[in-house]
Structure formats: structure tokens, C-alpha cells
């Protein structure tokens, strides 16, 4: 449904939001807590910085943090920052007769993409973190105490 990159970005934001009150978080730390290869995480964090979801500081005491609260960040914001949901506006096969009136297959695919987009747009990270569920979203057991602090 979503790419691995988008899932990794969601994991990264969970880690950063859980540590919102703490010191800046290094890419290595985010990668370890989110269970993502560090080189891949560095690219994801760069995209999140470019989108304005994360702020970063270089240097010896550098690192990154979420630029907004969990209630202000939608799942869609994160997904769109790293691997946007692709909607179908014209025939992807290039059939001129279809133009912008999609065939039944591509119309259904676009409707499914629209449903995913709407679900992600209506869900904030706070919704995920505050859901009454014993499972902590997307985090390792070693990082759970940080998320628990955020939730309670």
C-alpha cells in the first residue's frame, strides 16, 4: 500500500515525536530505534527536513527533532514528503480516447488511492500515538519508554 521509504519515514517521526522534549536525536539513534539502516535513514531525514517536518542542526551537538507536535502532523504529510501517493489523472497507458475519462481499471485504482489519501489526511501522528492499544506504533522495545512518556 505504501512504500518501504514511507513506512520508514513514519517510524522516524514516531521516534522523533517520542523524544520531542529531549535532546536532539542523531540519525544513528533514529535509525537504531526505528530499525532502519542508517544510510537510508539519513536520506529520509533529509527529505523530512526539506518538507519542514523536521529541523536539523549540524555540528558536534547536532541532530534533529520534529518541527511540530504530533497533533499538528498528519500521516499524509509524512508520506507525501518522502514518496507521494500517486493519483491517476490521465490514462497511464497513453490511450488518447481515454483522455481524462479513465477506464474502469484506472478509475478504480485512482479511487483506491484517493481513499488512502483521505485516510492519511484525517489521521494525525497524535491519533496513532494516543490510540488505546497495548502495542506501541513502529518502535523497538528499547525505545518504548520514550513513547510511553509521550502518550501518558
N, C-alpha and C. Protein backbone atom coordinates (compact mmCIF):
# COMPACT_ATOMS: atom_id res chain seq x y z
N UNK A 1 0.83 -1.20 0.00
CA UNK A 1 0.00 0.00 0.00
C UNK A 1 0.87 1.26 0.00
N UNK A 2 1.84 1.33 0.91
CA UNK A 2 2.79 2.44 0.88
C UNK A 2 4.18 1.84 0.72
N UNK A 3 5.10 2.66 0.28
CA UNK A 3 6.46 2.18 0.06
C UNK A 3 7.19 1.95 1.38
N UNK A 4 8.27 1.22 1.28
CA UNK A 4 9.11 0.99 2.44
C UNK A 4 9.67 2.33 2.94
N UNK A 5 10.00 3.21 2.02
CA UNK A 5 10.51 4.53 2.40
C UNK A 5 9.49 5.28 3.23
N UNK A 6 8.22 5.25 2.83
CA UNK A 6 7.16 5.94 3.57
C UNK A 6 7.01 5.33 4.97
N UNK A 7 7.06 4.00 5.05
CA UNK A 7 6.95 3.38 6.37
C UNK A 7 8.13 3.76 7.25
N UNK A 8 9.32 3.77 6.70
CA UNK A 8 10.50 4.16 7.46
C UNK A 8 10.38 5.61 7.94
N UNK A 9 9.84 6.47 7.10
CA UNK A 9 9.66 7.88 7.50
C UNK A 9 8.65 7.98 8.64
N UNK A 10 7.60 7.19 8.59
CA UNK A 10 6.63 7.17 9.69
C UNK A 10 7.30 6.69 10.98
N UNK A 11 8.12 5.66 10.88
CA UNK A 11 8.85 5.17 12.06
C UNK A 11 9.75 6.27 12.62
N UNK A 12 10.45 6.95 11.72
CA UNK A 12 11.36 8.02 12.15
C UNK A 12 10.59 9.11 12.90
N UNK A 13 9.44 9.49 12.38
CA UNK A 13 8.66 10.53 13.03
C UNK A 13 8.14 10.07 14.39
N UNK A 14 7.79 8.81 14.52
CA UNK A 14 7.37 8.27 15.82
C UNK A 14 8.51 8.45 16.82
N UNK A 15 9.72 8.09 16.40
CA UNK A 15 10.89 8.22 17.29
C UNK A 15 11.10 9.67 17.66
N UNK A 16 11.09 10.56 16.67
CA UNK A 16 11.36 11.98 16.94
C UNK A 16 10.26 12.60 17.81
N UNK A 17 9.03 12.24 17.57
CA UNK A 17 7.93 12.80 18.37
C UNK A 17 7.98 12.27 19.80
N UNK A 18 8.44 11.05 19.96
CA UNK A 18 8.56 10.48 21.31
C UNK A 18 9.66 11.18 22.10
N UNK A 19 10.62 11.76 21.40
CA UNK A 19 11.74 12.43 22.07
C UNK A 19 11.63 13.94 21.93
N UNK A 20 10.44 14.44 21.72
CA UNK A 20 10.23 15.87 21.47
C UNK A 20 10.79 16.75 22.58
N UNK A 21 10.73 16.30 23.80
CA UNK A 21 11.19 17.12 24.93
C UNK A 21 12.66 16.89 25.25
N UNK A 22 13.27 15.91 24.64
CA UNK A 22 14.65 15.59 24.96
C UNK A 22 15.64 16.29 24.04
N UNK A 23 16.89 15.87 24.11
CA UNK A 23 17.93 16.46 23.27
C UNK A 23 17.70 16.09 21.80
N UNK A 24 18.44 16.76 20.93
CA UNK A 24 18.36 16.43 19.51
C UNK A 24 18.75 14.97 19.32
N UNK A 25 18.20 14.38 18.31
CA UNK A 25 18.39 12.95 18.07
C UNK A 25 19.26 12.77 16.82
N UNK A 26 20.32 12.00 16.92
CA UNK A 26 21.18 11.76 15.77
C UNK A 26 20.51 10.80 14.79
N UNK A 27 20.96 10.84 13.55
CA UNK A 27 20.44 9.92 12.53
C UNK A 27 20.70 8.48 12.95
N UNK A 28 21.85 8.22 13.58
CA UNK A 28 22.16 6.87 14.05
C UNK A 28 21.16 6.41 15.10
N UNK A 29 20.81 7.30 16.01
CA UNK A 29 19.86 6.96 17.06
C UNK A 29 18.47 6.70 16.49
N UNK A 30 18.03 7.58 15.60
CA UNK A 30 16.71 7.40 14.96
C UNK A 30 16.70 6.07 14.21
N UNK A 31 17.75 5.82 13.45
CA UNK A 31 17.83 4.58 12.66
C UNK A 31 17.77 3.34 13.55
N UNK A 32 18.50 3.38 14.65
CA UNK A 32 18.51 2.23 15.56
C UNK A 32 17.13 2.00 16.17
N UNK A 33 16.51 3.06 16.64
CA UNK A 33 15.20 2.93 17.29
C UNK A 33 14.10 2.54 16.30
N UNK A 34 14.22 3.01 15.07
CA UNK A 34 13.21 2.72 14.05
C UNK A 34 13.51 1.43 13.28
N UNK A 35 14.64 0.83 13.57
CA UNK A 35 15.09 -0.40 12.90
C UNK A 35 15.20 -0.19 11.39
N UNK A 36 15.95 0.84 11.02
CA UNK A 36 16.17 1.21 9.63
C UNK A 36 17.67 1.37 9.42
N UNK A 37 18.21 0.93 8.27
CA UNK A 37 19.63 1.15 8.01
C UNK A 37 19.96 2.65 8.08
N UNK A 38 21.09 2.98 8.70
CA UNK A 38 21.42 4.37 8.97
C UNK A 38 21.57 5.20 7.70
N UNK A 39 22.16 4.66 6.65
CA UNK A 39 22.31 5.42 5.41
C UNK A 39 20.95 5.76 4.80
N UNK A 40 20.05 4.80 4.86
CA UNK A 40 18.68 5.01 4.36
C UNK A 40 17.98 6.06 5.23
N UNK A 41 18.17 5.96 6.53
CA UNK A 41 17.55 6.91 7.45
C UNK A 41 18.05 8.33 7.20
N UNK A 42 19.32 8.49 6.89
CA UNK A 42 19.87 9.82 6.62
C UNK A 42 19.16 10.46 5.44
N UNK A 43 18.89 9.68 4.40
CA UNK A 43 18.17 10.20 3.22
C UNK A 43 16.73 10.57 3.58
N UNK A 44 16.10 9.74 4.38
CA UNK A 44 14.72 10.01 4.79
C UNK A 44 14.66 11.27 5.65
N UNK A 45 15.57 11.39 6.59
CA UNK A 45 15.59 12.58 7.45
C UNK A 45 15.83 13.84 6.62
N UNK A 46 16.68 13.74 5.60
CA UNK A 46 16.92 14.88 4.72
C UNK A 46 15.63 15.30 4.02
N UNK A 47 14.86 14.34 3.54
CA UNK A 47 13.59 14.66 2.89
C UNK A 47 12.60 15.27 3.88
N UNK A 48 12.60 14.78 5.11
CA UNK A 48 11.70 15.31 6.13
C UNK A 48 12.11 16.73 6.53
N UNK A 49 13.40 17.01 6.51
CA UNK A 49 13.88 18.37 6.79
C UNK A 49 13.43 19.29 5.65
N UNK A 50 13.63 18.86 4.41
CA UNK A 50 13.23 19.68 3.25
C UNK A 50 11.74 19.98 3.25
N UNK A 51 10.95 19.06 3.77
CA UNK A 51 9.49 19.26 3.80
C UNK A 51 9.05 20.14 4.97
N UNK A 52 9.95 20.40 5.92
CA UNK A 52 9.62 21.22 7.08
C UNK A 52 9.06 20.45 8.26
N UNK A 53 9.02 19.14 8.16
CA UNK A 53 8.51 18.32 9.27
C UNK A 53 9.55 18.11 10.36
N UNK A 54 10.81 18.23 9.99
CA UNK A 54 11.92 18.00 10.91
C UNK A 54 12.87 19.18 10.79
N UNK A 55 13.44 19.57 11.92
CA UNK A 55 14.51 20.57 11.90
C UNK A 55 15.80 19.85 12.26
N UNK A 56 16.89 20.33 11.67
CA UNK A 56 18.19 19.70 11.90
C UNK A 56 19.23 20.75 12.24
N UNK A 57 20.17 20.33 13.04
CA UNK A 57 21.28 21.19 13.43
C UNK A 57 22.56 20.41 13.24
N UNK A 58 23.50 20.99 12.52
CA UNK A 58 24.78 20.33 12.28
C UNK A 58 25.72 20.60 13.44
N UNK A 59 26.78 19.82 13.47
CA UNK A 59 27.81 20.07 14.46
C UNK A 59 27.90 19.00 15.52
N UNK A 60 28.78 19.25 16.46
CA UNK A 60 29.08 18.27 17.49
C UNK A 60 27.85 17.88 18.30
N UNK A 61 27.04 18.82 18.70
CA UNK A 61 25.83 18.53 19.46
C UNK A 61 24.59 18.56 18.57
N UNK A 62 24.82 18.35 17.29
CA UNK A 62 23.73 18.42 16.32
C UNK A 62 22.81 17.21 16.37
N UNK A 63 21.85 17.25 15.52
CA UNK A 63 20.87 16.18 15.43
C UNK A 63 19.59 16.75 14.85
N UNK A 64 18.52 16.07 15.08
CA UNK A 64 17.26 16.54 14.53
C UNK A 64 16.12 16.35 15.53
N UNK A 65 15.02 17.03 15.23
CA UNK A 65 13.82 16.90 16.05
C UNK A 65 12.61 17.24 15.18
N UNK A 66 11.45 16.80 15.63
CA UNK A 66 10.21 17.14 14.92
C UNK A 66 9.98 18.64 15.04
N UNK A 67 9.54 19.25 13.96
CA UNK A 67 9.35 20.71 13.96
C UNK A 67 7.97 21.12 14.48
N UNK A 68 7.08 20.15 14.60
CA UNK A 68 5.73 20.42 15.10
C UNK A 68 5.33 19.31 16.06
N UNK A 69 4.21 19.49 16.71
CA UNK A 69 3.71 18.47 17.64
C UNK A 69 3.05 17.33 16.87
N UNK A 70 2.85 16.23 17.55
CA UNK A 70 2.19 15.07 16.94
C UNK A 70 0.79 15.41 16.46
N UNK A 71 0.10 16.29 17.16
CA UNK A 71 -1.26 16.68 16.76
C UNK A 71 -1.27 17.54 15.50
N UNK A 72 -0.13 18.14 15.18
CA UNK A 72 -0.04 19.03 14.02
C UNK A 72 0.49 18.33 12.77
N UNK A 73 0.90 17.09 12.91
CA UNK A 73 1.48 16.37 11.77
C UNK A 73 0.55 15.24 11.37
N UNK A 74 0.12 15.30 10.12
CA UNK A 74 -0.74 14.25 9.58
C UNK A 74 0.12 13.14 8.97
N UNK A 75 -0.40 11.94 8.97
CA UNK A 75 0.29 10.82 8.32
C UNK A 75 0.55 11.18 6.86
N UNK A 76 -0.42 11.82 6.22
CA UNK A 76 -0.26 12.21 4.82
C UNK A 76 0.92 13.14 4.62
N UNK A 77 1.17 14.06 5.55
CA UNK A 77 2.29 14.98 5.43
C UNK A 77 3.61 14.21 5.30
N UNK A 78 3.75 13.18 6.10
CA UNK A 78 4.98 12.39 6.12
C UNK A 78 5.12 11.58 4.84
N UNK A 79 4.05 10.90 4.46
CA UNK A 79 4.09 10.08 3.25
C UNK A 79 4.39 10.96 2.03
N UNK A 80 3.71 12.09 1.92
CA UNK A 80 3.91 12.96 0.77
C UNK A 80 5.32 13.54 0.72
N UNK A 81 5.96 13.69 1.88
CA UNK A 81 7.32 14.24 1.93
C UNK A 81 8.35 13.29 1.35
N UNK A 82 8.13 11.99 1.45
CA UNK A 82 9.15 11.04 1.03
C UNK A 82 8.78 10.22 -0.21
N UNK A 83 7.52 9.92 -0.37
CA UNK A 83 7.08 9.12 -1.53
C UNK A 83 5.59 9.38 -1.75
N UNK A 84 5.27 10.47 -2.44
CA UNK A 84 3.88 10.88 -2.59
C UNK A 84 2.97 9.80 -3.18
N UNK A 85 1.74 9.82 -2.71
CA UNK A 85 0.72 8.92 -3.25
C UNK A 85 0.45 9.37 -4.68
N UNK A 86 0.51 8.43 -5.57
CA UNK A 86 0.34 8.75 -6.99
C UNK A 86 -1.11 8.60 -7.41
N UNK A 87 -1.71 9.70 -7.77
CA UNK A 87 -3.07 9.70 -8.29
C UNK A 87 -3.02 9.58 -9.81
N UNK A 88 -4.07 9.07 -10.40
CA UNK A 88 -4.15 8.89 -11.86
C UNK A 88 -5.10 9.93 -12.41
N UNK A 89 -4.56 10.86 -13.21
CA UNK A 89 -5.38 11.94 -13.76
C UNK A 89 -5.67 11.75 -15.24
N UNK A 90 -4.77 11.07 -15.93
CA UNK A 90 -4.98 10.75 -17.34
C UNK A 90 -4.57 9.31 -17.55
N UNK A 91 -4.95 8.76 -18.66
CA UNK A 91 -4.66 7.35 -18.95
C UNK A 91 -3.16 7.10 -18.88
N UNK A 92 -2.72 6.23 -17.95
CA UNK A 92 -1.29 5.97 -17.82
C UNK A 92 -0.71 5.17 -18.99
N UNK A 93 -1.56 4.56 -19.78
CA UNK A 93 -1.11 3.79 -20.93
C UNK A 93 -0.98 4.70 -22.16
N UNK A 94 -1.58 5.87 -22.07
CA UNK A 94 -1.49 6.84 -23.16
C UNK A 94 -2.55 6.66 -24.24
N UNK A 95 -3.63 6.01 -23.92
CA UNK A 95 -4.70 5.82 -24.90
C UNK A 95 -5.44 7.14 -25.04
N UNK A 96 -5.31 7.75 -26.20
CA UNK A 96 -5.87 9.08 -26.44
C UNK A 96 -7.38 9.12 -26.23
N UNK A 97 -8.06 8.06 -26.59
CA UNK A 97 -9.52 8.03 -26.46
C UNK A 97 -9.96 8.09 -25.00
N UNK A 98 -9.11 7.68 -24.09
CA UNK A 98 -9.45 7.72 -22.66
C UNK A 98 -9.31 9.14 -22.11
N UNK A 99 -8.32 9.86 -22.62
CA UNK A 99 -8.12 11.23 -22.17
C UNK A 99 -8.10 11.33 -20.65
N UNK A 100 -8.95 12.21 -20.10
CA UNK A 100 -9.05 12.33 -18.65
C UNK A 100 -10.20 11.50 -18.11
N UNK A 101 -10.95 10.88 -18.99
CA UNK A 101 -12.02 9.95 -18.56
C UNK A 101 -11.40 8.58 -18.46
N UNK A 102 -11.01 8.22 -17.27
CA UNK A 102 -10.27 6.98 -17.06
C UNK A 102 -11.12 5.75 -17.35
N UNK A 103 -10.43 4.70 -17.80
CA UNK A 103 -11.11 3.42 -17.99
C UNK A 103 -11.49 2.88 -16.61
N UNK A 104 -12.36 1.86 -16.55
CA UNK A 104 -12.79 1.34 -15.25
C UNK A 104 -11.63 0.89 -14.35
N UNK A 105 -10.61 0.27 -14.92
CA UNK A 105 -9.48 -0.20 -14.12
C UNK A 105 -8.75 0.98 -13.48
N UNK A 106 -8.38 1.95 -14.28
CA UNK A 106 -7.61 3.07 -13.74
C UNK A 106 -8.45 3.98 -12.86
N UNK A 107 -9.75 4.05 -13.12
CA UNK A 107 -10.63 4.82 -12.24
C UNK A 107 -10.68 4.17 -10.86
N UNK A 108 -10.80 2.83 -10.82
CA UNK A 108 -10.83 2.12 -9.52
C UNK A 108 -9.50 2.26 -8.78
N UNK A 109 -8.41 2.18 -9.51
CA UNK A 109 -7.10 2.36 -8.88
C UNK A 109 -6.97 3.76 -8.30
N UNK A 110 -7.44 4.76 -9.04
CA UNK A 110 -7.38 6.13 -8.53
C UNK A 110 -8.31 6.32 -7.34
N UNK A 111 -9.49 5.71 -7.37
CA UNK A 111 -10.40 5.80 -6.23
C UNK A 111 -9.78 5.19 -4.98
N UNK A 112 -9.05 4.08 -5.15
CA UNK A 112 -8.37 3.46 -4.00
C UNK A 112 -7.29 4.39 -3.47
N UNK A 113 -6.53 5.00 -4.36
CA UNK A 113 -5.50 5.95 -3.94
C UNK A 113 -6.14 7.13 -3.22
N UNK A 114 -7.29 7.57 -3.70
CA UNK A 114 -7.99 8.68 -3.05
C UNK A 114 -8.42 8.30 -1.64
N UNK A 115 -8.92 7.08 -1.45
CA UNK A 115 -9.33 6.63 -0.12
C UNK A 115 -8.14 6.59 0.84
N UNK A 116 -7.00 6.10 0.37
CA UNK A 116 -5.80 6.06 1.20
C UNK A 116 -5.38 7.49 1.55
N UNK A 117 -5.38 8.36 0.56
CA UNK A 117 -5.01 9.76 0.77
C UNK A 117 -5.91 10.42 1.82
N UNK A 118 -7.22 10.19 1.72
CA UNK A 118 -8.17 10.77 2.67
C UNK A 118 -7.97 10.21 4.08
N UNK A 119 -7.72 8.90 4.17
CA UNK A 119 -7.49 8.28 5.48
C UNK A 119 -6.23 8.85 6.13
N UNK A 120 -5.18 9.01 5.36
CA UNK A 120 -3.94 9.56 5.88
C UNK A 120 -4.08 11.04 6.22
N UNK A 121 -4.88 11.76 5.44
CA UNK A 121 -5.08 13.19 5.70
C UNK A 121 -5.88 13.42 6.98
N UNK A 122 -6.72 12.47 7.33
CA UNK A 122 -7.56 12.65 8.52
C UNK A 122 -6.97 12.01 9.78
N UNK A 123 -5.74 11.52 9.68
CA UNK A 123 -5.09 10.88 10.81
C UNK A 123 -3.82 11.64 11.18
N UNK A 124 -3.75 12.10 12.42
CA UNK A 124 -2.53 12.76 12.88
C UNK A 124 -1.63 11.73 13.57
N UNK A 125 -0.40 12.10 13.77
CA UNK A 125 0.50 11.23 14.50
C UNK A 125 0.03 11.07 15.94
N UNK A 126 -0.60 12.10 16.48
CA UNK A 126 -1.15 12.00 17.84
C UNK A 126 -2.24 10.94 17.89
N UNK A 127 -3.04 10.83 16.83
CA UNK A 127 -4.07 9.78 16.78
C UNK A 127 -3.43 8.41 16.91
N UNK A 128 -2.32 8.21 16.22
CA UNK A 128 -1.64 6.91 16.28
C UNK A 128 -1.01 6.67 17.64
N UNK A 129 -0.37 7.71 18.18
CA UNK A 129 0.33 7.56 19.45
C UNK A 129 -0.62 7.45 20.63
N UNK A 130 -1.79 8.03 20.52
CA UNK A 130 -2.73 8.04 21.64
C UNK A 130 -3.81 6.99 21.55
N UNK A 131 -3.78 6.17 20.52
CA UNK A 131 -4.79 5.12 20.37
C UNK A 131 -4.71 4.16 21.54
N UNK A 132 -5.88 3.76 22.05
CA UNK A 132 -5.94 2.83 23.18
C UNK A 132 -5.62 1.43 22.67
N UNK A 133 -4.34 1.11 22.68
CA UNK A 133 -3.86 -0.15 22.15
C UNK A 133 -2.56 -0.48 22.89
N UNK A 134 -2.40 -1.71 23.33
CA UNK A 134 -1.19 -2.04 24.07
C UNK A 134 0.08 -2.03 23.21
N UNK A 135 -0.06 -2.08 21.89
CA UNK A 135 1.11 -2.06 21.01
C UNK A 135 1.57 -0.63 20.78
N UNK A 136 2.85 -0.43 20.89
CA UNK A 136 3.45 0.87 20.63
C UNK A 136 3.75 0.93 19.14
N UNK A 137 3.31 1.98 18.44
CA UNK A 137 3.46 2.01 16.99
C UNK A 137 4.92 2.08 16.53
N UNK A 138 5.28 1.13 15.69
CA UNK A 138 6.50 1.17 14.90
C UNK A 138 7.81 1.34 15.65
N UNK A 139 7.86 1.11 16.92
CA UNK A 139 9.09 1.35 17.67
C UNK A 139 9.65 0.06 18.24
N UNK A 140 10.94 0.09 18.49
CA UNK A 140 11.59 -1.04 19.11
C UNK A 140 11.25 -1.07 20.59
N UNK A 141 11.45 -2.20 21.19
CA UNK A 141 11.17 -2.29 22.63
C UNK A 141 12.12 -1.41 23.43
N UNK A 142 13.34 -1.18 22.93
CA UNK A 142 14.27 -0.34 23.68
C UNK A 142 13.86 1.12 23.68
N UNK A 143 13.03 1.52 22.71
CA UNK A 143 12.61 2.92 22.65
C UNK A 143 11.22 3.15 23.20
N UNK A 144 10.56 2.10 23.68
CA UNK A 144 9.17 2.24 24.10
C UNK A 144 8.97 3.20 25.26
N UNK A 145 9.92 3.29 26.17
CA UNK A 145 9.71 4.17 27.33
C UNK A 145 9.58 5.61 26.88
N UNK A 146 10.22 5.98 25.78
CA UNK A 146 10.09 7.35 25.26
C UNK A 146 8.68 7.58 24.74
N UNK A 147 8.14 6.60 24.04
CA UNK A 147 6.78 6.73 23.51
C UNK A 147 5.78 6.71 24.66
N UNK A 148 6.01 5.87 25.63
CA UNK A 148 5.10 5.81 26.77
C UNK A 148 5.00 7.17 27.45
N UNK A 149 6.13 7.88 27.59
CA UNK A 149 6.12 9.20 28.18
C UNK A 149 5.27 10.17 27.36
N UNK A 150 5.35 10.05 26.04
CA UNK A 150 4.61 10.93 25.16
C UNK A 150 3.11 10.68 25.30
N UNK A 151 2.76 9.42 25.41
CA UNK A 151 1.34 9.06 25.46
C UNK A 151 0.72 9.42 26.80
N UNK A 152 1.43 9.20 27.87
CA UNK A 152 0.82 9.41 29.20
C UNK A 152 1.20 10.69 29.80
